[in-house]
Amino acid sequence: MQIKEIDYFSAADIQREIGVVRQTLWRWRKARKIPQGRLYRGRQVVFTKQEVETIREYANRLEPTEPSDSDQMKLFTNSPKRKVS
């Protein structure tokens, strides 16, 4: 939708484009991990194109994995060698 010559996108638009469910989008907003958007006509939250890009970047972020338990890595590094026949 366009308001005062600025393109805005609804949460439904973002959900379809990024591939997340409504609850995920609102959980990210509540945790302030993504832009809050703007309230249109007192009930619909809309986002600018720049905000949509920020949300897309957050949704597609890559984070390093870390073992939850340091002993867990020992399972892989100190495993006995198996004899291959």
Protein backbone atom coordinates (compact mmCIF):
# COMPACT_ATOMS: atom_id res chain seq x y z
CA MET A 1 0.00 0.00 0.00
CA GLN A 2 1.12 3.55 -0.55
CA ILE A 3 0.61 6.31 2.00
CA LYS A 4 1.87 9.85 1.26
CA GLU A 5 3.93 8.48 -1.64
CA ILE A 6 5.75 5.96 0.57
CA ASP A 7 5.33 2.22 0.02
CA TYR A 8 4.35 0.26 3.11
CA PHE A 9 4.03 -3.48 3.55
CA SER A 10 1.69 -5.36 5.86
CA ALA A 11 2.77 -8.14 8.18
CA ALA A 12 1.00 -10.60 5.86
CA ASP A 13 3.13 -9.35 2.95
CA ILE A 14 6.30 -9.90 4.97
CA GLN A 15 5.21 -13.34 6.17
CA ARG A 16 4.64 -14.51 2.61
CA GLU A 17 7.85 -12.99 1.29
CA ILE A 18 10.15 -14.17 4.06
CA GLY A 19 8.39 -17.42 4.87
CA VAL A 20 7.71 -17.05 8.59
CA VAL A 21 4.48 -17.49 10.48
CA ARG A 22 2.65 -14.60 12.13
CA GLN A 23 3.62 -15.66 15.65
CA THR A 24 7.32 -15.61 14.77
CA LEU A 25 7.11 -12.10 13.35
CA TRP A 26 5.29 -10.79 16.44
CA ARG A 27 7.68 -12.60 18.79
CA TRP A 28 10.64 -10.90 17.05
CA ARG A 29 8.86 -7.53 17.37
CA LYS A 30 8.14 -8.08 21.05
CA ALA A 31 11.80 -8.96 21.68
CA ARG A 32 12.78 -5.85 19.65
CA LYS A 33 14.92 -7.91 17.30
CA ILE A 34 13.25 -6.33 14.26
CA PRO A 35 11.74 -2.88 13.56
CA GLN A 36 8.43 -2.17 15.26
CA GLY A 37 6.71 -0.78 12.16
CA ARG A 38 4.00 1.87 12.22
CA LEU A 39 0.37 1.67 13.20
CA TYR A 40 -1.96 2.48 10.31
CA ARG A 41 -5.50 3.61 11.12
CA GLY A 42 -5.04 2.49 14.69
CA ARG A 43 -5.04 -1.23 14.00
CA GLN A 44 -2.76 -2.45 11.20
CA VAL A 45 1.02 -2.56 11.61
CA VAL A 46 2.86 -1.66 8.41
CA PHE A 47 6.55 -1.56 7.53
CA THR A 48 8.65 0.52 5.12
CA LYS A 49 10.75 -1.12 2.43
CA GLN A 50 13.90 -0.48 4.50
CA GLU A 51 12.29 -2.11 7.55
CA VAL A 52 11.29 -5.12 5.44
CA GLU A 53 14.92 -5.48 4.32
CA THR A 54 16.08 -5.36 7.96
CA ILE A 55 13.55 -8.07 8.83
CA ARG A 56 14.72 -10.18 5.89
CA GLU A 57 18.35 -9.86 7.00
CA TYR A 58 17.40 -10.90 10.53
CA ALA A 59 15.36 -13.86 9.29
CA ASN A 60 18.24 -15.07 7.10
CA ARG A 61 21.04 -14.52 9.58
CA LEU A 62 23.71 -17.14 10.12
CA GLU A 63 24.99 -17.75 13.62
CA PRO A 64 27.87 -19.94 14.73
CA THR A 65 26.89 -23.15 16.42
CA GLU A 66 28.32 -23.94 19.80
CA PRO A 67 28.03 -27.20 21.69
CA SER A 68 25.77 -26.84 24.69
CA ASP A 69 28.01 -29.08 26.75
CA SER A 70 31.80 -29.13 26.49
CA ASP A 71 31.80 -32.89 27.21
CA GLN A 72 29.68 -33.41 24.13
CA MET A 73 32.58 -32.50 21.84
CA LYS A 74 34.70 -35.20 23.46
CA LEU A 75 32.38 -37.74 21.91
CA PHE A 76 33.64 -36.68 18.50
CA THR A 77 37.28 -35.87 19.20
CA ASN A 78 38.23 -38.74 21.51
CA SER A 79 36.25 -41.54 19.96
CA PRO A 80 38.19 -44.80 19.54
CA LYS A 81 39.44 -45.56 16.05
CA ARG A 82 37.50 -48.31 14.34
CA LYS A 83 39.30 -50.83 12.30
CA VAL A 84 38.20 -50.88 8.70
CA SER A 85 38.40 -54.30 7.03
